[in-house]
Every structure is written in structure tokens, then in C-alpha cells.
Amino acid sequence: MILRHAAEMREQQIPKMRDGTGVVTVRHLLEAEELLGKGRLFAHNVVPPGASIGVHRHTGDAEAYYFLAGRGRYTDNGSAYEVVAGDLTFVSEGDLHGIENTGDAPLEFVALILYADKGGA
């Protein structure tokens, strides 16, 4: 069993994340070694107004974003979509995605990166 209070979670301030703009806050909800070998990231991300996570490719893994607050423009393989709290995105292995905060409040989302397993469970 894990009970981790907010003050105990590892937090990173990442400038120009994935060649994006601004500084993104990443609060690790679980560490990679706690994901049972199934993934490498489970985190609460905060993207300030005007900041972004640059478009990047997922190789060997896939990623879901669940949006908690704010407004943004999500890019997936060259197409752009508006996202708000309650929306979910999923990028498959080999695909490209990125996110930009287009609002005037922080864009917050939970990110989960899972390893691609071609063999199945």
C-alpha cells in the first residue's frame, strides 16, 4: 500500500519541455519503479498560460492525458484539437503529440505513459 501526501511527491520544474515554451511543473504521483514494469510516468502536470510541451513522438510507449483544469490546444499527428477539463487524449506508440496552454489560467492534467506490449497480457 502506498499513501503519499502532496508534500512528499517529487516535483520537477522543466523549462522548454520537449522543445516547448515556458516552464512545466511535473509532480510525480507514482515513480516509474512503482508502475510494475508497465509504464514510466504517472504525473500531474501544470502548464502555465502561454507555455507548451513541444510536439514529440512516442516510441515503445503510449500516453494518455486527462485534463483537470484550464484550456489548451492538443496536437496529434499534425491535427489540432481544443481541450478542457474532463477531456481525455491518448497517443499511440509511434504517434506525435504536444499541448499548448491557450487560456489565461494554468492547464492541469494527469499524464500516464505505458509501455507498448505487442505480446498482450
PDB file of N, CA and C in Angstrom:
ATOM      1  N   MET A   1       0.845  -1.173   0.000  1.00  0.00           N
ATOM      2  CA  MET A   1       0.000   0.000   0.000  1.00  0.00           C
ATOM      3  C   MET A   1       0.892   1.238   0.000  1.00  0.00           C
ATOM      4  N   ILE A   2       0.490   2.216  -0.780  1.00  0.00           N
ATOM      5  CA  ILE A   2       1.208   3.491  -0.812  1.00  0.00           C
ATOM      6  C   ILE A   2       0.234   4.588  -0.415  1.00  0.00           C
ATOM      7  N   LEU A   3       0.632   5.394   0.540  1.00  0.00           N
ATOM      8  CA  LEU A   3      -0.066   6.640   0.849  1.00  0.00           C
ATOM      9  C   LEU A   3       0.993   7.725   0.777  1.00  0.00           C
ATOM     10  N   ARG A   4       0.840   8.600  -0.173  1.00  0.00           N
ATOM     11  CA  ARG A   4       1.839   9.646  -0.381  1.00  0.00           C
ATOM     12  C   ARG A   4       1.122  10.991  -0.338  1.00  0.00           C
ATOM     13  N   HIS A   5       1.503  11.809   0.617  1.00  0.00           N
ATOM     14  CA  HIS A   5       0.922  13.146   0.728  1.00  0.00           C
ATOM     15  C   HIS A   5       1.561  14.063  -0.308  1.00  0.00           C
ATOM     16  N   ALA A   6       0.834  15.098  -0.690  1.00  0.00           N
ATOM     17  CA  ALA A   6       1.300  16.010  -1.744  1.00  0.00           C
ATOM     18  C   ALA A   6       2.715  16.514  -1.479  1.00  0.00           C
ATOM     19  N   ALA A   7       3.012  16.845  -0.249  1.00  0.00           N
ATOM     20  CA  ALA A   7       4.336  17.387   0.086  1.00  0.00           C
ATOM     21  C   ALA A   7       5.452  16.361  -0.097  1.00  0.00           C
ATOM     22  N   GLU A   8       5.101  15.085  -0.189  1.00  0.00           N
ATOM     23  CA  GLU A   8       6.097  14.019  -0.332  1.00  0.00           C
ATOM     24  C   GLU A   8       6.362  13.639  -1.785  1.00  0.00           C
ATOM     25  N   MET A   9       5.579  14.166  -2.697  1.00  0.00           N
ATOM     26  CA  MET A   9       5.738  13.804  -4.105  1.00  0.00           C
ATOM     27  C   MET A   9       6.886  14.576  -4.738  1.00  0.00           C
ATOM     28  N   ARG A  10       7.649  13.879  -5.548  1.00  0.00           N
ATOM     29  CA  ARG A  10       8.763  14.523  -6.260  1.00  0.00           C
ATOM     30  C   ARG A  10       8.199  15.474  -7.308  1.00  0.00           C
ATOM     31  N   GLU A  11       8.725  16.684  -7.303  1.00  0.00           N
ATOM     32  CA  GLU A  11       8.250  17.693  -8.246  1.00  0.00           C
ATOM     33  C   GLU A  11       9.427  18.234  -9.037  1.00  0.00           C
ATOM     34  N   GLN A  12       9.210  18.389 -10.340  1.00  0.00           N
ATOM     35  CA  GLN A  12      10.232  18.939 -11.231  1.00  0.00           C
ATOM     36  C   GLN A  12       9.683  20.183 -11.914  1.00  0.00           C
ATOM     37  N   GLN A  13      10.553  21.148 -12.136  1.00  0.00           N
ATOM     38  CA  GLN A  13      10.253  22.315 -12.962  1.00  0.00           C
ATOM     39  C   GLN A  13      11.069  22.120 -14.238  1.00  0.00           C
ATOM     40  N   ILE A  14      10.402  21.900 -15.368  1.00  0.00           N
ATOM     41  CA  ILE A  14      11.106  21.560 -16.601  1.00  0.00           C
ATOM     42  C   ILE A  14      10.950  22.690 -17.614  1.00  0.00           C
ATOM     43  N   PRO A  15      12.039  23.442 -17.874  1.00  0.00           N
ATOM     44  CA  PRO A  15      11.962  24.504 -18.884  1.00  0.00           C
ATOM     45  C   PRO A  15      11.979  23.916 -20.294  1.00  0.00           C
ATOM     46  N   LYS A  16      11.204  24.522 -21.178  1.00  0.00           N
ATOM     47  CA  LYS A  16      11.172  24.142 -22.599  1.00  0.00           C
ATOM     48  C   LYS A  16      10.993  22.635 -22.781  1.00  0.00           C
ATOM     49  N   MET A  17      10.020  22.075 -22.076  1.00  0.00           N
ATOM     50  CA  MET A  17       9.791  20.626 -22.101  1.00  0.00           C
ATOM     51  C   MET A  17       9.516  20.149 -23.523  1.00  0.00           C
ATOM     52  N   ARG A  18      10.285  19.194 -23.972  1.00  0.00           N
ATOM     53  CA  ARG A  18      10.173  18.633 -25.329  1.00  0.00           C
ATOM     54  C   ARG A  18      10.228  19.736 -26.382  1.00  0.00           C
ATOM     55  N   ASP A  19      11.113  20.710 -26.161  1.00  0.00           N
ATOM     56  CA  ASP A  19      11.287  21.869 -27.053  1.00  0.00           C
ATOM     57  C   ASP A  19      10.052  22.764 -27.097  1.00  0.00           C
ATOM     58  N   GLY A  20       9.278  22.743 -26.028  1.00  0.00           N
ATOM     59  CA  GLY A  20       8.145  23.650 -25.907  1.00  0.00           C
ATOM     60  C   GLY A  20       8.591  24.990 -25.351  1.00  0.00           C
ATOM     61  N   THR A  21       7.641  25.737 -24.774  1.00  0.00           N
ATOM     62  CA  THR A  21       7.926  27.059 -24.230  1.00  0.00           C
ATOM     63  C   THR A  21       7.561  27.109 -22.753  1.00  0.00           C
ATOM     64  N   GLY A  22       8.194  28.019 -22.032  1.00  0.00           N
ATOM     65  CA  GLY A  22       7.880  28.198 -20.623  1.00  0.00           C
ATOM     66  C   GLY A  22       8.414  27.066 -19.764  1.00  0.00           C
ATOM     67  N   VAL A  23       7.931  27.025 -18.524  1.00  0.00           N
ATOM     68  CA  VAL A  23       8.369  26.027 -17.547  1.00  0.00           C
ATOM     69  C   VAL A  23       7.156  25.206 -17.112  1.00  0.00           C
ATOM     70  N   VAL A  24       7.233  23.897 -17.286  1.00  0.00           N
ATOM     71  CA  VAL A  24       6.152  22.981 -16.921  1.00  0.00           C
ATOM     72  C   VAL A  24       6.492  22.341 -15.579  1.00  0.00           C
ATOM     73  N   THR A  25       5.510  22.283 -14.693  1.00  0.00           N
ATOM     74  CA  THR A  25       5.671  21.600 -13.410  1.00  0.00           C
ATOM     75  C   THR A  25       5.164  20.172 -13.556  1.00  0.00           C
ATOM     76  N   VAL A  26       6.003  19.215 -13.163  1.00  0.00           N
ATOM     77  CA  VAL A  26       5.642  17.793 -13.206  1.00  0.00           C
ATOM     78  C   VAL A  26       5.728  17.254 -11.784  1.00  0.00           C
ATOM     79  N   ARG A  27       4.577  16.858 -11.236  1.00  0.00           N
ATOM     80  CA  ARG A  27       4.534  16.248  -9.902  1.00  0.00           C
ATOM     81  C   ARG A  27       4.293  14.757 -10.098  1.00  0.00           C
ATOM     82  N   HIS A  28       5.281  13.952  -9.722  1.00  0.00           N
ATOM     83  CA  HIS A  28       5.216  12.504  -9.923  1.00  0.00           C
ATOM     84  C   HIS A  28       4.307  11.882  -8.863  1.00  0.00           C
ATOM     85  N   LEU A  29       3.163  11.363  -9.303  1.00  0.00           N
ATOM     86  CA  LEU A  29       2.218  10.726  -8.393  1.00  0.00           C
ATOM     87  C   LEU A  29       2.737   9.360  -7.968  1.00  0.00           C
ATOM     88  N   LEU A  30       3.248   8.615  -8.930  1.00  0.00           N
ATOM     89  CA  LEU A  30       3.971   7.371  -8.680  1.00  0.00           C
ATOM     90  C   LEU A  30       5.286   7.447  -9.440  1.00  0.00           C
ATOM     91  N   GLU A  31       6.305   6.833  -8.892  1.00  0.00           N
ATOM     92  CA  GLU A  31       7.596   6.763  -9.572  1.00  0.00           C
ATOM     93  C   GLU A  31       7.576   5.583 -10.551  1.00  0.00           C
ATOM     94  N   ALA A  32       8.448   5.623 -11.540  1.00  0.00           N
ATOM     95  CA  ALA A  32       8.480   4.586 -12.581  1.00  0.00           C
ATOM     96  C   ALA A  32       8.578   3.181 -11.982  1.00  0.00           C
ATOM     97  N   GLU A  33       9.399   3.010 -10.955  1.00  0.00           N
ATOM     98  CA  GLU A  33       9.574   1.676 -10.366  1.00  0.00           C
ATOM     99  C   GLU A  33       8.322   1.202  -9.621  1.00  0.00           C
ATOM    100  N   GLU A  34       7.368   2.083  -9.388  1.00  0.00           N
ATOM    101  CA  GLU A  34       6.117   1.710  -8.726  1.00  0.00           C
ATOM    102  C   GLU A  34       5.020   1.331  -9.730  1.00  0.00           C
ATOM    103  N   LEU A  35       5.324   1.400 -11.014  1.00  0.00           N
ATOM    104  CA  LEU A  35       4.336   1.109 -12.054  1.00  0.00           C
ATOM    105  C   LEU A  35       4.400  -0.340 -12.542  1.00  0.00           C
ATOM    106  N   LEU A  36       5.023  -1.204 -11.775  1.00  0.00           N
ATOM    107  CA  LEU A  36       5.034  -2.652 -12.013  1.00  0.00           C
ATOM    108  C   LEU A  36       5.567  -3.048 -13.381  1.00  0.00           C
ATOM    109  N   GLY A  37       6.504  -2.244 -13.890  1.00  0.00           N
ATOM    110  CA  GLY A  37       7.098  -2.545 -15.184  1.00  0.00           C
ATOM    111  C   GLY A  37       6.183  -2.280 -16.367  1.00  0.00           C
ATOM    112  N   LYS A  38       5.035  -1.667 -16.128  1.00  0.00           N
ATOM    113  CA  LYS A  38       4.041  -1.424 -17.187  1.00  0.00           C
ATOM    114  C   LYS A  38       4.148  -0.035 -17.802  1.00  0.00           C
ATOM    115  N   GLY A  39       4.882   0.864 -17.140  1.00  0.00           N
ATOM    116  CA  GLY A  39       4.976   2.224 -17.652  1.00  0.00           C
ATOM    117  C   GLY A  39       6.107   2.985 -17.002  1.00  0.00           C
ATOM    118  N   ARG A  40       6.248   4.253 -17.407  1.00  0.00           N
ATOM    119  CA  ARG A  40       7.354   5.051 -16.889  1.00  0.00           C
ATOM    120  C   ARG A  40       6.943   6.392 -16.309  1.00  0.00           C
ATOM    121  N   LEU A  41       5.654   6.763 -16.412  1.00  0.00           N
ATOM    122  CA  LEU A  41       5.242   8.057 -15.872  1.00  0.00           C
ATOM    123  C   LEU A  41       3.776   8.030 -15.474  1.00  0.00           C
ATOM    124  N   PHE A  42       3.507   8.523 -14.273  1.00  0.00           N
ATOM    125  CA  PHE A  42       2.152   8.819 -13.801  1.00  0.00           C
ATOM    126  C   PHE A  42       2.300  10.109 -13.026  1.00  0.00           C
ATOM    127  N   ALA A  43       1.862  11.228 -13.626  1.00  0.00           N
ATOM    128  CA  ALA A  43       2.194  12.533 -13.062  1.00  0.00           C
ATOM    129  C   ALA A  43       1.081  13.548 -13.275  1.00  0.00           C
ATOM    130  N   HIS A  44       1.062  14.532 -12.391  1.00  0.00           N
ATOM    131  CA  HIS A  44       0.178  15.699 -12.506  1.00  0.00           C
ATOM    132  C   HIS A  44       1.027  16.814 -13.101  1.00  0.00           C
ATOM    133  N   ASN A  45       0.659  17.261 -14.293  1.00  0.00           N
ATOM    134  CA  ASN A  45       1.414  18.304 -14.993  1.00  0.00           C
ATOM    135  C   ASN A  45       0.656  19.620 -14.937  1.00  0.00           C
ATOM    136  N   VAL A  46       1.399  20.713 -14.798  1.00  0.00           N
ATOM    137  CA  VAL A  46       0.820  22.054 -14.814  1.00  0.00           C
ATOM    138  C   VAL A  46       1.581  22.877 -15.848  1.00  0.00           C
ATOM    139  N   VAL A  47       0.841  23.343 -16.865  1.00  0.00           N
ATOM    140  CA  VAL A  47       1.410  24.156 -17.940  1.00  0.00           C
ATOM    141  C   VAL A  47       0.855  25.572 -17.766  1.00  0.00           C
ATOM    142  N   PRO A  48       1.721  26.561 -17.484  1.00  0.00           N
ATOM    143  CA  PRO A  48       1.229  27.924 -17.271  1.00  0.00           C
ATOM    144  C   PRO A  48       0.680  28.550 -18.556  1.00  0.00           C
ATOM    145  N   PRO A  49      -0.112  29.609 -18.430  1.00  0.00           N
ATOM    146  CA  PRO A  49      -0.628  30.292 -19.616  1.00  0.00           C
ATOM    147  C   PRO A  49       0.498  30.661 -20.584  1.00  0.00           C
ATOM    148  N   GLY A  50       0.282  30.368 -21.869  1.00  0.00           N
ATOM    149  CA  GLY A  50       1.261  30.685 -22.900  1.00  0.00           C
ATOM    150  C   GLY A  50       2.377  29.675 -23.056  1.00  0.00           C
ATOM    151  N   ALA A  51       2.479  28.714 -22.146  1.00  0.00           N
ATOM    152  CA  ALA A  51       3.546  27.711 -22.208  1.00  0.00           C
ATOM    153  C   ALA A  51       3.055  26.474 -22.964  1.00  0.00           C
ATOM    154  N   SER A  52       4.002  25.593 -23.303  1.00  0.00           N
ATOM    155  CA  SER A  52       3.647  24.391 -24.062  1.00  0.00           C
ATOM    156  C   SER A  52       4.628  23.259 -23.790  1.00  0.00           C
ATOM    157  N   ILE A  53       4.181  22.058 -24.118  1.00  0.00           N
ATOM    158  CA  ILE A  53       5.047  20.883 -24.228  1.00  0.00           C
ATOM    159  C   ILE A  53       5.143  20.627 -25.725  1.00  0.00           C
ATOM    160  N   GLY A  54       6.350  20.662 -26.257  1.00  0.00           N
ATOM    161  CA  GLY A  54       6.537  20.553 -27.698  1.00  0.00           C
ATOM    162  C   GLY A  54       6.073  19.221 -28.266  1.00  0.00           C
ATOM    163  N   VAL A  55       5.812  19.233 -29.561  1.00  0.00           N
ATOM    164  CA  VAL A  55       5.389  18.018 -30.262  1.00  0.00           C
ATOM    165  C   VAL A  55       6.536  17.007 -30.228  1.00  0.00           C
ATOM    166  N   HIS A  56       6.217  15.794 -29.833  1.00  0.00           N
ATOM    167  CA  HIS A  56       7.224  14.736 -29.726  1.00  0.00           C
ATOM    168  C   HIS A  56       6.588  13.390 -30.070  1.00  0.00           C
ATOM    169  N   ARG A  57       7.438  12.435 -30.450  1.00  0.00           N
ATOM    170  CA  ARG A  57       6.987  11.097 -30.865  1.00  0.00           C
ATOM    171  C   ARG A  57       7.127  10.122 -29.698  1.00  0.00           C
ATOM    172  N   HIS A  58       6.174   9.214 -29.605  1.00  0.00           N
ATOM    173  CA  HIS A  58       6.254   8.140 -28.616  1.00  0.00           C
ATOM    174  C   HIS A  58       6.718   6.868 -29.312  1.00  0.00           C
ATOM    175  N   THR A  59       7.868   6.378 -28.896  1.00  0.00           N
ATOM    176  CA  THR A  59       8.449   5.161 -29.440  1.00  0.00           C
ATOM    177  C   THR A  59       8.567   4.148 -28.306  1.00  0.00           C
ATOM    178  N   GLY A  60       7.889   3.032 -28.434  1.00  0.00           N
ATOM    179  CA  GLY A  60       7.936   1.997 -27.403  1.00  0.00           C
ATOM    180  C   GLY A  60       6.948   2.217 -26.276  1.00  0.00           C
ATOM    181  N   ASP A  61       6.183   3.297 -26.352  1.00  0.00           N
ATOM    182  CA  ASP A  61       5.186   3.559 -25.322  1.00  0.00           C
ATOM    183  C   ASP A  61       4.044   4.395 -25.892  1.00  0.00           C
ATOM    184  N   ALA A  62       3.021   4.598 -25.080  1.00  0.00           N
ATOM    185  CA  ALA A  62       1.852   5.395 -25.448  1.00  0.00           C
ATOM    186  C   ALA A  62       1.504   6.269 -24.247  1.00  0.00           C
ATOM    187  N   GLU A  63       0.745   7.356 -24.480  1.00  0.00           N
ATOM    188  CA  GLU A  63       0.474   8.283 -23.380  1.00  0.00           C
ATOM    189  C   GLU A  63      -0.962   8.783 -23.407  1.00  0.00           C
ATOM    190  N   ALA A  64      -1.561   8.823 -22.216  1.00  0.00           N
ATOM    191  CA  ALA A  64      -2.887   9.408 -22.028  1.00  0.00           C
ATOM    192  C   ALA A  64      -2.748  10.683 -21.208  1.00  0.00           C
ATOM    193  N   TYR A  65      -3.548  11.697 -21.559  1.00  0.00           N
ATOM    194  CA  TYR A  65      -3.696  12.913 -20.758  1.00  0.00           C
ATOM    195  C   TYR A  65      -5.155  12.977 -20.320  1.00  0.00           C
ATOM    196  N   TYR A  66      -5.385  13.225 -19.029  1.00  0.00           N
ATOM    197  CA  TYR A  66      -6.726  13.507 -18.522  1.00  0.00           C
ATOM    198  C   TYR A  66      -6.693  14.920 -17.957  1.00  0.00           C
ATOM    199  N   PHE A  67      -7.474  15.811 -18.563  1.00  0.00           N
ATOM    200  CA  PHE A  67      -7.415  17.237 -18.243  1.00  0.00           C
ATOM    201  C   PHE A  67      -8.271  17.570 -17.030  1.00  0.00           C
ATOM    202  N   LEU A  68      -7.647  18.257 -16.072  1.00  0.00           N
ATOM    203  CA  LEU A  68      -8.286  18.609 -14.805  1.00  0.00           C
ATOM    204  C   LEU A  68      -8.772  20.051 -14.761  1.00  0.00           C
ATOM    205  N   ALA A  69      -8.040  20.962 -15.395  1.00  0.00           N
ATOM    206  CA  ALA A  69      -8.369  22.389 -15.335  1.00  0.00           C
ATOM    207  C   ALA A  69      -7.716  23.105 -16.502  1.00  0.00           C
ATOM    208  N   GLY A  70      -8.307  24.236 -16.886  1.00  0.00           N
ATOM    209  CA  GLY A  70      -7.724  25.072 -17.924  1.00  0.00           C
ATOM    210  C   GLY A  70      -8.235  24.731 -19.312  1.00  0.00           C
ATOM    211  N   ARG A  71      -7.549  25.309 -20.288  1.00  0.00           N
ATOM    212  CA  ARG A  71      -7.923  25.172 -21.701  1.00  0.00           C
ATOM    213  C   ARG A  71      -6.633  25.073 -22.507  1.00  0.00           C
ATOM    214  N   GLY A  72      -6.647  24.220 -23.528  1.00  0.00           N
ATOM    215  CA  GLY A  72      -5.439  24.077 -24.326  1.00  0.00           C
ATOM    216  C   GLY A  72      -5.711  23.645 -25.750  1.00  0.00           C
ATOM    217  N   ARG A  73      -4.632  23.638 -26.531  1.00  0.00           N
ATOM    218  CA  ARG A  73      -4.663  23.135 -27.904  1.00  0.00           C
ATOM    219  C   ARG A  73      -3.759  21.907 -27.942  1.00  0.00           C
ATOM    220  N   TYR A  74      -4.372  20.759 -28.179  1.00  0.00           N
ATOM    221  CA  TYR A  74      -3.667  19.485 -28.234  1.00  0.00           C
ATOM    222  C   TYR A  74      -3.389  19.165 -29.694  1.00  0.00           C
ATOM    223  N   THR A  75      -2.141  18.854 -30.004  1.00  0.00           N
ATOM    224  CA  THR A  75      -1.750  18.492 -31.363  1.00  0.00           C
ATOM    225  C   THR A  75      -1.492  16.993 -31.420  1.00  0.00           C
ATOM    226  N   ASP A  76      -2.095  16.337 -32.413  1.00  0.00           N
ATOM    227  CA  ASP A  76      -1.934  14.902 -32.596  1.00  0.00           C
ATOM    228  C   ASP A  76      -1.667  14.636 -34.074  1.00  0.00           C
ATOM    229  N   ASN A  77      -0.452  14.218 -34.379  1.00  0.00           N
ATOM    230  CA  ASN A  77      -0.077  13.888 -35.759  1.00  0.00           C
ATOM    231  C   ASN A  77      -0.459  14.989 -36.746  1.00  0.00           C
ATOM    232  N   GLY A  78      -0.227  16.250 -36.350  1.00  0.00           N
ATOM    233  CA  GLY A  78      -0.447  17.382 -37.239  1.00  0.00           C
ATOM    234  C   GLY A  78      -1.820  18.021 -37.166  1.00  0.00           C
ATOM    235  N   SER A  79      -2.776  17.390 -36.499  1.00  0.00           N
ATOM    236  CA  SER A  79      -4.111  17.973 -36.326  1.00  0.00           C
ATOM    237  C   SER A  79      -4.217  18.574 -34.930  1.00  0.00           C
ATOM    238  N   ALA A  80      -4.923  19.713 -34.810  1.00  0.00           N
ATOM    239  CA  ALA A  80      -5.059  20.401 -33.527  1.00  0.00           C
ATOM    240  C   ALA A  80      -6.494  20.303 -33.022  1.00  0.00           C
ATOM    241  N   TYR A  81      -6.629  20.141 -31.701  1.00  0.00           N
ATOM    242  CA  TYR A  81      -7.930  19.993 -31.056  1.00  0.00           C
ATOM    243  C   TYR A  81      -7.948  20.833 -29.786  1.00  0.00           C
ATOM    244  N   GLU A  82      -9.073  21.490 -29.512  1.00  0.00           N
ATOM    245  CA  GLU A  82      -9.236  22.218 -28.259  1.00  0.00           C
ATOM    246  C   GLU A  82      -9.587  21.213 -27.163  1.00  0.00           C
ATOM    247  N   VAL A  83      -8.985  21.380 -25.981  1.00  0.00           N
ATOM    248  CA  VAL A  83      -9.266  20.505 -24.844  1.00  0.00           C
ATOM    249  C   VAL A  83      -9.564  21.351 -23.610  1.00  0.00           C
ATOM    250  N   VAL A  84     -10.440  20.819 -22.746  1.00  0.00           N
ATOM    251  CA  VAL A  84     -10.812  21.469 -21.491  1.00  0.00           C
ATOM    252  C   VAL A  84     -10.915  20.399 -20.408  1.00  0.00           C
ATOM    253  N   ALA A  85     -11.156  20.835 -19.175  1.00  0.00           N
ATOM    254  CA  ALA A  85     -11.293  19.912 -18.049  1.00  0.00           C
ATOM    255  C   ALA A  85     -12.328  18.837 -18.365  1.00  0.00           C
ATOM    256  N   GLY A  86     -11.980  17.593 -18.060  1.00  0.00           N
ATOM    257  CA  GLY A  86     -12.853  16.454 -18.309  1.00  0.00           C
ATOM    258  C   GLY A  86     -12.545  15.712 -19.593  1.00  0.00           C
ATOM    259  N   ASP A  87     -11.752  16.327 -20.481  1.00  0.00           N
ATOM    260  CA  ASP A  87     -11.378  15.668 -21.737  1.00  0.00           C
ATOM    261  C   ASP A  87     -10.216  14.705 -21.512  1.00  0.00           C
ATOM    262  N   LEU A  88     -10.114  13.714 -22.391  1.00  0.00           N
ATOM    263  CA  LEU A  88      -9.035  12.727 -22.354  1.00  0.00           C
ATOM    264  C   LEU A  88      -8.458  12.594 -23.753  1.00  0.00           C
ATOM    265  N   THR A  89      -7.140  12.516 -23.837  1.00  0.00           N
ATOM    266  CA  THR A  89      -6.476  12.233 -25.108  1.00  0.00           C
ATOM    267  C   THR A  89      -5.595  11.002 -24.922  1.00  0.00           C
ATOM    268  N   PHE A  90      -5.347  10.299 -26.022  1.00  0.00           N
ATOM    269  CA  PHE A  90      -4.471   9.125 -25.986  1.00  0.00           C
ATOM    270  C   PHE A  90      -3.668   9.096 -27.269  1.00  0.00           C
ATOM    271  N   VAL A  91      -2.363   9.036 -27.142  1.00  0.00           N
ATOM    272  CA  VAL A  91      -1.487   8.939 -28.304  1.00  0.00           C
ATOM    273  C   VAL A  91      -0.856   7.547 -28.300  1.00  0.00           C
ATOM    274  N   SER A  92      -0.957   6.871 -29.426  1.00  0.00           N
ATOM    275  CA  SER A  92      -0.443   5.511 -29.557  1.00  0.00           C
ATOM    276  C   SER A  92       1.051   5.509 -29.854  1.00  0.00           C
ATOM    277  N   GLU A  93       1.647   4.358 -29.684  1.00  0.00           N
ATOM    278  CA  GLU A  93       3.063   4.175 -29.998  1.00  0.00           C
ATOM    279  C   GLU A  93       3.328   4.603 -31.441  1.00  0.00           C
ATOM    280  N   GLY A  94       4.395   5.368 -31.625  1.00  0.00           N
ATOM    281  CA  GLY A  94       4.796   5.818 -32.949  1.00  0.00           C
ATOM    282  C   GLY A  94       4.180   7.131 -33.374  1.00  0.00           C
ATOM    283  N   ASP A  95       3.179   7.606 -32.635  1.00  0.00           N
ATOM    284  CA  ASP A  95       2.493   8.841 -32.999  1.00  0.00           C
ATOM    285  C   ASP A  95       3.129  10.056 -32.329  1.00  0.00           C
ATOM    286  N   LEU A  96       2.762  11.229 -32.859  1.00  0.00           N
ATOM    287  CA  LEU A  96       3.272  12.517 -32.376  1.00  0.00           C
ATOM    288  C   LEU A  96       2.175  13.270 -31.642  1.00  0.00           C
ATOM    289  N   HIS A  97       2.555  13.967 -30.559  1.00  0.00           N
ATOM    290  CA  HIS A  97       1.601  14.852 -29.897  1.00  0.00           C
ATOM    291  C   HIS A  97       2.320  15.945 -29.124  1.00  0.00           C
ATOM    292  N   GLY A  98       1.566  16.980 -28.762  1.00  0.00           N
ATOM    293  CA  GLY A  98       2.051  18.087 -27.947  1.00  0.00           C
ATOM    294  C   GLY A  98       0.850  18.841 -27.404  1.00  0.00           C
ATOM    295  N   ILE A  99       1.090  19.761 -26.468  1.00  0.00           N
ATOM    296  CA  ILE A  99      -0.001  20.523 -25.855  1.00  0.00           C
ATOM    297  C   ILE A  99       0.458  21.952 -25.593  1.00  0.00           C
ATOM    298  N   GLU A 100      -0.448  22.896 -25.822  1.00  0.00           N
ATOM    299  CA  GLU A 100      -0.178  24.315 -25.559  1.00  0.00           C
ATOM    300  C   GLU A 100      -1.313  24.876 -24.718  1.00  0.00           C
ATOM    301  N   ASN A 101      -0.970  25.636 -23.678  1.00  0.00           N
ATOM    302  CA  ASN A 101      -1.982  26.309 -22.874  1.00  0.00           C
ATOM    303  C   ASN A 101      -2.436  27.549 -23.629  1.00  0.00           C
ATOM    304  N   THR A 102      -3.704  27.584 -24.041  1.00  0.00           N
ATOM    305  CA  THR A 102      -4.250  28.719 -24.783  1.00  0.00           C
ATOM    306  C   THR A 102      -5.138  29.593 -23.906  1.00  0.00           C
ATOM    307  N   GLY A 103      -5.257  29.254 -22.641  1.00  0.00           N
ATOM    308  CA  GLY A 103      -6.110  30.012 -21.733  1.00  0.00           C
ATOM    309  C   GLY A 103      -5.323  30.999 -20.897  1.00  0.00           C
ATOM    310  N   ASP A 104      -6.024  31.602 -19.938  1.00  0.00           N
ATOM    311  CA  ASP A 104      -5.368  32.559 -19.047  1.00  0.00           C
ATOM    312  C   ASP A 104      -5.210  32.010 -17.633  1.00  0.00           C
ATOM    313  N   ALA A 105      -5.424  30.703 -17.474  1.00  0.00           N
ATOM    314  CA  ALA A 105      -5.221  30.008 -16.203  1.00  0.00           C
ATOM    315  C   ALA A 105      -4.336  28.796 -16.472  1.00  0.00           C
ATOM    316  N   PRO A 106      -3.718  28.228 -15.432  1.00  0.00           N
ATOM    317  CA  PRO A 106      -2.897  27.034 -15.642  1.00  0.00           C
ATOM    318  C   PRO A 106      -3.703  25.890 -16.272  1.00  0.00           C
ATOM    319  N   LEU A 107      -3.063  25.167 -17.177  1.00  0.00           N
ATOM    320  CA  LEU A 107      -3.624  23.954 -17.774  1.00  0.00           C
ATOM    321  C   LEU A 107      -3.072  22.784 -16.969  1.00  0.00           C
ATOM    322  N   GLU A 108      -3.964  22.029 -16.333  1.00  0.00           N
ATOM    323  CA  GLU A 108      -3.542  20.922 -15.479  1.00  0.00           C
ATOM    324  C   GLU A 108      -4.081  19.611 -16.025  1.00  0.00           C
ATOM    325  N   PHE A 109      -3.229  18.595 -16.019  1.00  0.00           N
ATOM    326  CA  PHE A 109      -3.666  17.275 -16.480  1.00  0.00           C
ATOM    327  C   PHE A 109      -2.819  16.189 -15.843  1.00  0.00           C
ATOM    328  N   VAL A 110      -3.404  15.007 -15.767  1.00  0.00           N
ATOM    329  CA  VAL A 110      -2.684  13.815 -15.332  1.00  0.00           C
ATOM    330  C   VAL A 110      -2.177  13.118 -16.585  1.00  0.00           C
ATOM    331  N   ALA A 111      -0.901  12.780 -16.595  1.00  0.00           N
ATOM    332  CA  ALA A 111      -0.280  12.076 -17.719  1.00  0.00           C
ATOM    333  C   ALA A 111       0.111  10.667 -17.268  1.00  0.00           C
ATOM    334  N   LEU A 112      -0.186   9.692 -18.112  1.00  0.00           N
ATOM    335  CA  LEU A 112       0.171   8.300 -17.857  1.00  0.00           C
ATOM    336  C   LEU A 112       0.846   7.752 -19.102  1.00  0.00           C
ATOM    337  N   ILE A 113       2.105   7.338 -18.954  1.00  0.00           N
ATOM    338  CA  ILE A 113       2.840   6.724 -20.063  1.00  0.00           C
ATOM    339  C   ILE A 113       2.988   5.236 -19.763  1.00  0.00           C
ATOM    340  N   LEU A 114       2.446   4.419 -20.675  1.00  0.00           N
ATOM    341  CA  LEU A 114       2.507   2.964 -20.557  1.00  0.00           C
ATOM    342  C   LEU A 114       3.373   2.401 -21.669  1.00  0.00           C
ATOM    343  N   TYR A 115       4.119   1.358 -21.341  1.00  0.00           N
ATOM    344  CA  TYR A 115       4.934   0.699 -22.354  1.00  0.00           C
ATOM    345  C   TYR A 115       4.044  -0.044 -23.342  1.00  0.00           C
ATOM    346  N   ALA A 116       4.423  -0.011 -24.610  1.00  0.00           N
ATOM    347  CA  ALA A 116       3.713  -0.768 -25.639  1.00  0.00           C
ATOM    348  C   ALA A 116       4.122  -2.228 -25.490  1.00  0.00           C
ATOM    349  N   ASP A 117       3.151  -3.097 -25.398  1.00  0.00           N
ATOM    350  CA  ASP A 117       3.417  -4.521 -25.239  1.00  0.00           C
ATOM    351  C   ASP A 117       2.730  -5.248 -26.382  1.00  0.00           C
ATOM    352  N   LYS A 118       3.493  -5.570 -27.385  1.00  0.00           N
ATOM    353  CA  LYS A 118       2.935  -6.222 -28.574  1.00  0.00           C
ATOM    354  C   LYS A 118       2.460  -7.642 -28.288  1.00  0.00           C
ATOM    355  N   GLY A 119       2.949  -8.240 -27.199  1.00  0.00           N
ATOM    356  CA  GLY A 119       2.597  -9.623 -26.897  1.00  0.00           C
ATOM    357  C   GLY A 119       1.250  -9.791 -26.228  1.00  0.00           C
ATOM    358  N   GLY A 120       0.689  -8.734 -25.665  1.00  0.00           N
ATOM    359  CA  GLY A 120      -0.588  -8.825 -24.960  1.00  0.00           C
ATOM    360  C   GLY A 120      -0.403  -9.351 -23.556  1.00  0.00           C
ATOM    361  N   ALA A 121      -1.489  -9.320 -22.799  1.00  0.00           N
ATOM    362  CA  ALA A 121      -1.424  -9.735 -21.390  1.00  0.00           C
ATOM    363  C   ALA A 121      -1.780 -11.192 -21.226  1.00  0.00           C
TER     364      ALA A 121
END
